[in-house]
């Protein structure tokens, strides 16, 4: 339980960082070129999905 609680802040920071990368990808798509920005946004989007899944699992651990 203590380990799960210690994970909360780093997990939230990682989620915020990946969301920021996704937004940067969208911005690059608009400013410089579709290929580079789209690639960054796609990878960040996949990472967001995985981190959201980890956060759901983390949340279920804390409820037990």
Protein backbone atom coordinates (compact mmCIF):
# COMPACT_ATOMS: atom_id res chain seq x y z
CA UNK A 1 0.00 0.00 0.00
CA UNK A 2 2.81 2.42 0.84
CA UNK A 3 4.44 1.75 -2.53
CA UNK A 4 1.17 2.52 -4.32
CA UNK A 5 0.84 5.80 -2.43
CA UNK A 6 4.46 6.70 -3.23
CA UNK A 7 3.69 6.20 -6.93
CA UNK A 8 0.90 8.79 -7.10
CA UNK A 9 2.95 11.94 -7.62
CA UNK A 10 5.46 10.50 -10.14
CA UNK A 11 2.61 8.86 -12.05
CA UNK A 12 0.67 12.11 -12.27
CA UNK A 13 3.82 13.95 -13.38
CA UNK A 14 4.45 11.36 -16.10
CA UNK A 15 0.87 11.66 -17.32
CA UNK A 16 1.15 15.46 -17.44
CA UNK A 17 4.45 15.27 -19.34
CA UNK A 18 3.08 12.89 -21.94
CA UNK A 19 -0.03 15.02 -22.44
CA UNK A 20 2.26 18.02 -22.98
CA UNK A 21 4.22 16.07 -25.60
CA UNK A 22 1.00 15.20 -27.39
CA UNK A 23 0.01 18.88 -27.46
CA UNK A 24 3.48 19.74 -28.82
CA UNK A 25 2.94 17.19 -31.56
CA UNK A 26 -0.34 18.83 -32.52
CA UNK A 27 1.39 22.22 -32.55
CA UNK A 28 4.21 20.94 -34.75
CA UNK A 29 1.64 19.53 -37.13
CA UNK A 30 0.07 22.96 -37.49
CA UNK A 31 3.31 24.94 -37.71
CA UNK A 32 5.91 22.94 -39.56
CA UNK A 33 4.74 19.76 -41.06
CA UNK A 34 2.26 17.02 -40.77
CA UNK A 35 4.73 14.10 -40.61
CA UNK A 36 6.88 15.19 -37.68
CA UNK A 37 4.07 16.49 -35.53
CA UNK A 38 1.77 13.61 -36.30
CA UNK A 39 4.43 11.08 -35.29
CA UNK A 40 5.04 12.80 -31.94
CA UNK A 41 1.32 13.13 -31.24
CA UNK A 42 0.74 9.45 -32.09
CA UNK A 43 3.50 8.15 -29.82
CA UNK A 44 2.44 10.45 -26.99
CA UNK A 45 -1.18 9.36 -27.47
CA UNK A 46 -0.22 5.70 -27.08
CA UNK A 47 1.80 6.53 -23.97
CA UNK A 48 -1.19 8.44 -22.56
CA UNK A 49 -3.41 5.38 -23.01
CA UNK A 50 -0.91 3.14 -21.24
CA UNK A 51 -0.37 5.58 -18.39
CA UNK A 52 -4.13 5.98 -17.96
CA UNK A 53 -4.40 2.19 -17.68
CA UNK A 54 -1.65 2.16 -15.04
CA UNK A 55 -3.43 4.92 -13.13
CA UNK A 56 -6.68 2.93 -13.12
CA UNK A 57 -4.86 -0.12 -11.76
CA UNK A 58 -3.09 2.06 -9.21
CA UNK A 59 -6.45 3.48 -8.13
CA UNK A 60 -7.90 0.01 -7.63
CA UNK A 61 -4.91 -0.94 -5.46
CA UNK A 62 -5.46 2.07 -3.24
CA UNK A 63 -9.14 1.25 -2.75
CA UNK A 64 -8.37 -2.23 -1.42
